[in-house]
Amino acid sequence: MYSMSSEIFIVYARLSKLSVAELVYYMKNKKPVEIICKICTHKMSSLGAKLLVNSLRKLSYSQARHIHRTLPMSTKKWNIGKINHVAMATPDIEKATSLFRDVLGAKVSEKHPQPEHGVYTVFVELGDTKIELLNPLGDKSPIQNFLDKNKSGGMHHICIEVDNIEEAMKDLKSKKIRLLSDEAKIGAHGKPVVFLHPKDCNGVLVELEQQ
């Protein structure tokens, strides 16, 4: 029933986060192409916005309304972001810090105690991401068992940002992903964090951090 141009139109309408009906409204009310492109370019390239407008011109209002009514509606209330840091457990945090600071020339933070998590942390700045160095704090540190099995240390977990950690936790629970705590805790950056069970994440301990 619909041409390839209408299929392209649907894709770009989704990318622009405007409904098909809204975009049709802009066109029917003779909004300049430049305005529609500006509206759309916050989620797509200017070329993509122009393709969207060209596809829109080939649809009648009734076609656009039909497409809009049949589009699946997303109910997801959270989104995953970038990797915030990769954490490495080390039996000697001063030696590990020296490697990154004095040998590799990276910018590193001071060592900070995180008593709620049972670790000392040092952050190594690497552009828009970081390496977190972990060392046990206290007799019941959660990383001590890891270091007992890995005498030289190693990668402990990865931390990924999310835009709504509470909704992420609810959603992941409903999908049978086990969380290591019932509530998010305040992490090293002063933001809520939660850990996901490694057996449900391809063998990797995953930390989610509120953006």
C-alpha atoms as a PDB file:
ATOM      1  CA  MET A   1       0.000   0.000   0.000  1.00  0.00           C
ATOM      2  CA  TYR A   2       2.847   2.367   0.821  1.00  0.00           C
ATOM      3  CA  SER A   3       5.902   3.188  -1.221  1.00  0.00           C
ATOM      4  CA  MET A   4       9.477   2.898  -0.071  1.00  0.00           C
ATOM      5  CA  SER A   5       9.446   6.653   0.547  1.00  0.00           C
ATOM      6  CA  SER A   6       6.785   6.195   3.216  1.00  0.00           C
ATOM      7  CA  GLU A   7       8.868   3.485   4.900  1.00  0.00           C
ATOM      8  CA  ILE A   8      11.843   5.816   4.996  1.00  0.00           C
ATOM      9  CA  PHE A   9       9.536   8.481   6.353  1.00  0.00           C
ATOM     10  CA  ILE A  10       8.456   6.246   9.245  1.00  0.00           C
ATOM     11  CA  VAL A  11      12.083   5.576  10.206  1.00  0.00           C
ATOM     12  CA  TYR A  12      12.972   9.248  10.246  1.00  0.00           C
ATOM     13  CA  ALA A  13       9.784  10.171  12.078  1.00  0.00           C
ATOM     14  CA  ARG A  14      10.825   7.803  14.858  1.00  0.00           C
ATOM     15  CA  LEU A  15      14.335   9.223  14.920  1.00  0.00           C
ATOM     16  CA  SER A  16      13.030  12.767  15.172  1.00  0.00           C
ATOM     17  CA  LYS A  17      10.801  11.794  18.137  1.00  0.00           C
ATOM     18  CA  LEU A  18       7.846  13.494  16.449  1.00  0.00           C
ATOM     19  CA  SER A  19       4.743  11.575  15.482  1.00  0.00           C
ATOM     20  CA  VAL A  20       3.863  11.126  11.850  1.00  0.00           C
ATOM     21  CA  ALA A  21       0.707  13.150  12.431  1.00  0.00           C
ATOM     22  CA  GLU A  22       2.698  16.019  13.941  1.00  0.00           C
ATOM     23  CA  LEU A  23       5.023  16.142  10.963  1.00  0.00           C
ATOM     24  CA  VAL A  24       2.091  16.056   8.561  1.00  0.00           C
ATOM     25  CA  TYR A  25       0.553  18.943  10.503  1.00  0.00           C
ATOM     26  CA  TYR A  26       3.690  21.014   9.992  1.00  0.00           C
ATOM     27  CA  MET A  27       3.632  20.325   6.259  1.00  0.00           C
ATOM     28  CA  LYS A  28      -0.113  20.914   5.804  1.00  0.00           C
ATOM     29  CA  ASN A  29       0.235  24.238   7.584  1.00  0.00           C
ATOM     30  CA  LYS A  30       3.017  25.142   5.167  1.00  0.00           C
ATOM     31  CA  LYS A  31       5.770  25.429   7.710  1.00  0.00           C
ATOM     32  CA  PRO A  32       9.009  26.192   5.862  1.00  0.00           C
ATOM     33  CA  VAL A  33      11.197  23.181   5.139  1.00  0.00           C
ATOM     34  CA  GLU A  34      14.004  24.869   7.072  1.00  0.00           C
ATOM     35  CA  ILE A  35      11.885  24.946  10.245  1.00  0.00           C
ATOM     36  CA  ILE A  36      10.962  21.267   9.951  1.00  0.00           C
ATOM     37  CA  CYS A  37      14.608  20.381   9.368  1.00  0.00           C
ATOM     38  CA  LYS A  38      15.583  22.392  12.448  1.00  0.00           C
ATOM     39  CA  ILE A  39      12.962  20.567  14.507  1.00  0.00           C
ATOM     40  CA  CYS A  40      14.317  17.206  13.382  1.00  0.00           C
ATOM     41  CA  THR A  41      18.073  17.792  13.414  1.00  0.00           C
ATOM     42  CA  HIS A  42      18.301  17.437  17.206  1.00  0.00           C
ATOM     43  CA  LYS A  43      18.005  13.682  16.582  1.00  0.00           C
ATOM     44  CA  MET A  44      19.289  13.263  13.028  1.00  0.00           C
ATOM     45  CA  SER A  45      21.607  14.795  10.463  1.00  0.00           C
ATOM     46  CA  SER A  46      20.464  17.697   8.286  1.00  0.00           C
ATOM     47  CA  LEU A  47      20.488  15.313   5.313  1.00  0.00           C
ATOM     48  CA  GLY A  48      18.245  12.935   7.248  1.00  0.00           C
ATOM     49  CA  ALA A  49      15.849  15.767   8.032  1.00  0.00           C
ATOM     50  CA  LYS A  50      15.661  16.740   4.358  1.00  0.00           C
ATOM     51  CA  LEU A  51      14.964  13.128   3.373  1.00  0.00           C
ATOM     52  CA  LEU A  52      12.203  13.074   5.950  1.00  0.00           C
ATOM     53  CA  VAL A  53      10.608  16.187   4.482  1.00  0.00           C
ATOM     54  CA  ASN A  54      10.818  14.809   0.945  1.00  0.00           C
ATOM     55  CA  SER A  55       9.187  11.557   2.051  1.00  0.00           C
ATOM     56  CA  LEU A  56       6.509  13.486   3.902  1.00  0.00           C
ATOM     57  CA  ARG A  57       5.538  15.367   0.755  1.00  0.00           C
ATOM     58  CA  LYS A  58       4.612  12.077  -0.936  1.00  0.00           C
ATOM     59  CA  LEU A  59       2.115  11.041   1.742  1.00  0.00           C
ATOM     60  CA  SER A  60      -1.474  12.094   2.008  1.00  0.00           C
ATOM     61  CA  TYR A  61      -2.819  13.070   5.408  1.00  0.00           C
ATOM     62  CA  SER A  62      -4.958   9.904   5.608  1.00  0.00           C
ATOM     63  CA  GLN A  63      -1.930   7.735   4.821  1.00  0.00           C
ATOM     64  CA  ALA A  64       0.108   9.446   7.517  1.00  0.00           C
ATOM     65  CA  ARG A  65      -2.672   9.059  10.076  1.00  0.00           C
ATOM     66  CA  HIS A  66      -2.964   5.345   9.262  1.00  0.00           C
ATOM     67  CA  ILE A  67       0.776   4.845   9.667  1.00  0.00           C
ATOM     68  CA  HIS A  68       0.756   6.764  12.950  1.00  0.00           C
ATOM     69  CA  ARG A  69      -2.086   4.640  14.374  1.00  0.00           C
ATOM     70  CA  THR A  70      -0.328   1.384  13.492  1.00  0.00           C
ATOM     71  CA  LEU A  71       3.120   2.317  14.840  1.00  0.00           C
ATOM     72  CA  PRO A  72       4.098   0.292  17.916  1.00  0.00           C
ATOM     73  CA  MET A  73       4.289   2.519  20.982  1.00  0.00           C
ATOM     74  CA  SER A  74       7.388   2.213  23.143  1.00  0.00           C
ATOM     75  CA  THR A  75       6.807   2.002  26.896  1.00  0.00           C
ATOM     76  CA  LYS A  76      10.462   2.014  27.888  1.00  0.00           C
ATOM     77  CA  LYS A  77      11.109   4.647  30.537  1.00  0.00           C
ATOM     78  CA  TRP A  78      14.899   4.506  30.667  1.00  0.00           C
ATOM     79  CA  ASN A  79      17.835   4.521  28.294  1.00  0.00           C
ATOM     80  CA  ILE A  80      21.348   3.172  28.485  1.00  0.00           C
ATOM     81  CA  GLY A  81      24.236   5.597  28.058  1.00  0.00           C
ATOM     82  CA  LYS A  82      27.998   5.411  27.658  1.00  0.00           C
ATOM     83  CA  ILE A  83      30.565   3.437  29.626  1.00  0.00           C
ATOM     84  CA  ASN A  84      31.403   5.543  32.676  1.00  0.00           C
ATOM     85  CA  HIS A  85      34.405   3.485  33.787  1.00  0.00           C
ATOM     86  CA  VAL A  86      36.093   0.105  33.818  1.00  0.00           C
ATOM     87  CA  ALA A  87      37.068  -1.028  37.323  1.00  0.00           C
ATOM     88  CA  MET A  88      40.277  -2.906  38.094  1.00  0.00           C
ATOM     89  CA  ALA A  89      40.914  -4.543  41.454  1.00  0.00           C
ATOM     90  CA  THR A  90      44.506  -4.331  42.629  1.00  0.00           C
ATOM     91  CA  PRO A  91      46.370  -5.672  45.681  1.00  0.00           C
ATOM     92  CA  ASP A  92      48.628  -2.572  45.632  1.00  0.00           C
ATOM     93  CA  ILE A  93      46.730   0.589  44.737  1.00  0.00           C
ATOM     94  CA  GLU A  94      49.803   2.833  45.125  1.00  0.00           C
ATOM     95  CA  LYS A  95      51.756   0.748  42.604  1.00  0.00           C
ATOM     96  CA  ALA A  96      48.810   0.666  40.195  1.00  0.00           C
ATOM     97  CA  THR A  97      48.350   4.431  40.540  1.00  0.00           C
ATOM     98  CA  SER A  98      52.033   4.998  39.816  1.00  0.00           C
ATOM     99  CA  LEU A  99      51.784   2.940  36.627  1.00  0.00           C
ATOM    100  CA  PHE A 100      49.047   5.109  35.178  1.00  0.00           C
ATOM    101  CA  ARG A 101      50.353   8.436  36.527  1.00  0.00           C
ATOM    102  CA  ASP A 102      54.154   8.143  36.339  1.00  0.00           C
ATOM    103  CA  VAL A 103      54.684   5.627  33.538  1.00  0.00           C
ATOM    104  CA  LEU A 104      51.701   6.199  31.239  1.00  0.00           C
ATOM    105  CA  GLY A 105      51.257   9.894  32.066  1.00  0.00           C
ATOM    106  CA  ALA A 106      47.532   9.818  32.826  1.00  0.00           C
ATOM    107  CA  LYS A 107      45.732  12.170  35.177  1.00  0.00           C
ATOM    108  CA  VAL A 108      44.729  10.351  38.368  1.00  0.00           C
ATOM    109  CA  SER A 109      42.707  11.289  41.428  1.00  0.00           C
ATOM    110  CA  GLU A 110      43.652  10.973  45.076  1.00  0.00           C
ATOM    111  CA  LYS A 111      42.844   7.728  46.889  1.00  0.00           C
ATOM    112  CA  HIS A 112      39.426   7.937  48.515  1.00  0.00           C
ATOM    113  CA  PRO A 113      37.821   5.551  51.020  1.00  0.00           C
ATOM    114  CA  GLN A 114      34.323   4.303  50.141  1.00  0.00           C
ATOM    115  CA  PRO A 115      33.310   2.618  53.424  1.00  0.00           C
ATOM    116  CA  GLU A 116      29.770   1.822  52.266  1.00  0.00           C
ATOM    117  CA  HIS A 117      31.241  -0.258  49.445  1.00  0.00           C
ATOM    118  CA  GLY A 118      34.253  -1.592  51.338  1.00  0.00           C
ATOM    119  CA  VAL A 119      36.873  -0.239  48.929  1.00  0.00           C
ATOM    120  CA  TYR A 120      39.444   2.459  48.328  1.00  0.00           C
ATOM    121  CA  THR A 121      39.174   4.054  44.892  1.00  0.00           C
ATOM    122  CA  VAL A 122      41.442   5.949  42.539  1.00  0.00           C
ATOM    123  CA  PHE A 123      40.104   7.217  39.213  1.00  0.00           C
ATOM    124  CA  VAL A 124      42.278   7.421  36.100  1.00  0.00           C
ATOM    125  CA  GLU A 125      41.004  10.033  33.619  1.00  0.00           C
ATOM    126  CA  LEU A 126      40.974   8.819  29.997  1.00  0.00           C
ATOM    127  CA  GLY A 127      39.107  11.290  27.810  1.00  0.00           C
ATOM    128  CA  ASP A 128      35.371  10.846  28.313  1.00  0.00           C
ATOM    129  CA  THR A 129      35.770   7.638  30.312  1.00  0.00           C
ATOM    130  CA  LYS A 130      37.803   6.420  33.282  1.00  0.00           C
ATOM    131  CA  ILE A 131      39.528   3.454  34.888  1.00  0.00           C
ATOM    132  CA  GLU A 132      38.631   2.893  38.531  1.00  0.00           C
ATOM    133  CA  LEU A 133      41.318   1.284  40.672  1.00  0.00           C
ATOM    134  CA  LEU A 134      39.903  -0.693  43.608  1.00  0.00           C
ATOM    135  CA  ASN A 135      41.623  -1.836  46.772  1.00  0.00           C
ATOM    136  CA  PRO A 136      39.990  -3.566  49.781  1.00  0.00           C
ATOM    137  CA  LEU A 137      38.826  -1.460  52.711  1.00  0.00           C
ATOM    138  CA  GLY A 138      38.028  -3.385  55.895  1.00  0.00           C
ATOM    139  CA  ASP A 139      37.863  -7.085  56.679  1.00  0.00           C
ATOM    140  CA  LYS A 140      34.629  -7.666  54.755  1.00  0.00           C
ATOM    141  CA  SER A 141      35.519  -5.937  51.497  1.00  0.00           C
ATOM    142  CA  PRO A 142      33.492  -7.386  48.591  1.00  0.00           C
ATOM    143  CA  ILE A 143      36.571  -7.423  46.358  1.00  0.00           C
ATOM    144  CA  GLN A 144      38.770  -9.434  48.731  1.00  0.00           C
ATOM    145  CA  ASN A 145      37.407 -12.717  47.412  1.00  0.00           C
ATOM    146  CA  PHE A 146      38.183 -11.559  43.873  1.00  0.00           C
ATOM    147  CA  LEU A 147      41.784 -10.765  44.837  1.00  0.00           C
ATOM    148  CA  ASP A 148      42.150 -14.091  46.653  1.00  0.00           C
ATOM    149  CA  LYS A 149      41.401 -15.769  43.309  1.00  0.00           C
ATOM    150  CA  ASN A 150      43.384 -13.253  41.233  1.00  0.00           C
ATOM    151  CA  LYS A 151      46.570 -12.499  43.156  1.00  0.00           C
ATOM    152  CA  SER A 152      47.792  -9.877  40.691  1.00  0.00           C
ATOM    153  CA  GLY A 153      44.400  -8.205  40.351  1.00  0.00           C
ATOM    154  CA  GLY A 154      42.412  -7.720  37.182  1.00  0.00           C
ATOM    155  CA  MET A 155      39.252  -6.302  35.654  1.00  0.00           C
ATOM    156  CA  HIS A 156      36.488  -6.352  38.252  1.00  0.00           C
ATOM    157  CA  HIS A 157      33.452  -4.715  36.603  1.00  0.00           C
ATOM    158  CA  ILE A 158      32.247  -2.225  34.020  1.00  0.00           C
ATOM    159  CA  CYS A 159      30.044   0.762  34.853  1.00  0.00           C
ATOM    160  CA  ILE A 160      27.425   1.960  32.357  1.00  0.00           C
ATOM    161  CA  GLU A 161      25.374   5.135  32.690  1.00  0.00           C
ATOM    162  CA  VAL A 162      21.574   5.148  32.603  1.00  0.00           C
ATOM    163  CA  ASP A 163      19.201   8.106  32.583  1.00  0.00           C
ATOM    164  CA  ASN A 164      16.710   6.662  35.095  1.00  0.00           C
ATOM    165  CA  ILE A 165      18.166   4.077  37.446  1.00  0.00           C
ATOM    166  CA  GLU A 166      14.921   3.372  39.307  1.00  0.00           C
ATOM    167  CA  GLU A 167      13.052   2.571  36.096  1.00  0.00           C
ATOM    168  CA  ALA A 168      16.038   0.551  34.862  1.00  0.00           C
ATOM    169  CA  MET A 169      15.949  -1.554  38.030  1.00  0.00           C
ATOM    170  CA  LYS A 170      12.206  -2.200  37.710  1.00  0.00           C
ATOM    171  CA  ASP A 171      12.534  -3.117  34.051  1.00  0.00           C
ATOM    172  CA  LEU A 172      15.513  -5.428  34.569  1.00  0.00           C
ATOM    173  CA  LYS A 173      13.811  -7.196  37.478  1.00  0.00           C
ATOM    174  CA  SER A 174      10.801  -7.856  35.252  1.00  0.00           C
ATOM    175  CA  LYS A 175      13.183  -9.390  32.692  1.00  0.00           C
ATOM    176  CA  LYS A 176      14.694 -11.736  35.304  1.00  0.00           C
ATOM    177  CA  ILE A 177      18.017  -9.887  35.579  1.00  0.00           C
ATOM    178  CA  ARG A 178      19.141 -10.220  39.185  1.00  0.00           C
ATOM    179  CA  LEU A 179      20.263  -7.123  41.091  1.00  0.00           C
ATOM    180  CA  LEU A 180      22.830  -7.411  43.866  1.00  0.00           C
ATOM    181  CA  SER A 181      20.892  -4.988  46.085  1.00  0.00           C
ATOM    182  CA  ASP A 182      17.228  -4.147  46.447  1.00  0.00           C
ATOM    183  CA  GLU A 183      17.911  -0.419  46.346  1.00  0.00           C
ATOM    184  CA  ALA A 184      20.450   1.762  44.580  1.00  0.00           C
ATOM    185  CA  LYS A 185      23.348   2.987  46.721  1.00  0.00           C
ATOM    186  CA  ILE A 186      25.392   6.163  46.425  1.00  0.00           C
ATOM    187  CA  GLY A 187      28.564   5.393  44.492  1.00  0.00           C
ATOM    188  CA  ALA A 188      32.010   6.951  44.303  1.00  0.00           C
ATOM    189  CA  HIS A 189      30.747   9.828  42.150  1.00  0.00           C
ATOM    190  CA  GLY A 190      27.971  10.717  44.591  1.00  0.00           C
ATOM    191  CA  LYS A 191      25.309   9.260  42.289  1.00  0.00           C
ATOM    192  CA  PRO A 192      23.008   6.230  42.729  1.00  0.00           C
ATOM    193  CA  VAL A 193      24.456   2.923  41.513  1.00  0.00           C
ATOM    194  CA  VAL A 194      23.364  -0.710  41.417  1.00  0.00           C
ATOM    195  CA  PHE A 195      25.186  -3.890  40.410  1.00  0.00           C
ATOM    196  CA  LEU A 196      23.780  -6.631  38.157  1.00  0.00           C
ATOM    197  CA  HIS A 197      24.536 -10.299  38.741  1.00  0.00           C
ATOM    198  CA  PRO A 198      27.394 -11.415  36.460  1.00  0.00           C
ATOM    199  CA  LYS A 199      25.672 -14.723  35.693  1.00  0.00           C
ATOM    200  CA  ASP A 200      22.884 -12.743  34.036  1.00  0.00           C
ATOM    201  CA  CYS A 201      25.308 -10.457  32.145  1.00  0.00           C
ATOM    202  CA  ASN A 202      27.527 -12.824  30.156  1.00  0.00           C
ATOM    203  CA  GLY A 203      29.830 -13.452  33.106  1.00  0.00           C
ATOM    204  CA  VAL A 204      30.622  -9.749  33.656  1.00  0.00           C
ATOM    205  CA  LEU A 205      29.774  -7.783  36.797  1.00  0.00           C
ATOM    206  CA  VAL A 206      27.899  -4.716  35.520  1.00  0.00           C
ATOM    207  CA  GLU A 207      27.340  -1.525  37.491  1.00  0.00           C
ATOM    208  CA  LEU A 208      24.640   0.942  36.451  1.00  0.00           C
ATOM    209  CA  GLU A 209      25.113   4.574  37.447  1.00  0.00           C
ATOM    210  CA  GLN A 210      22.560   7.365  37.282  1.00  0.00           C
ATOM    211  CA  GLN A 211      23.686  10.038  34.826  1.00  0.00           C
END
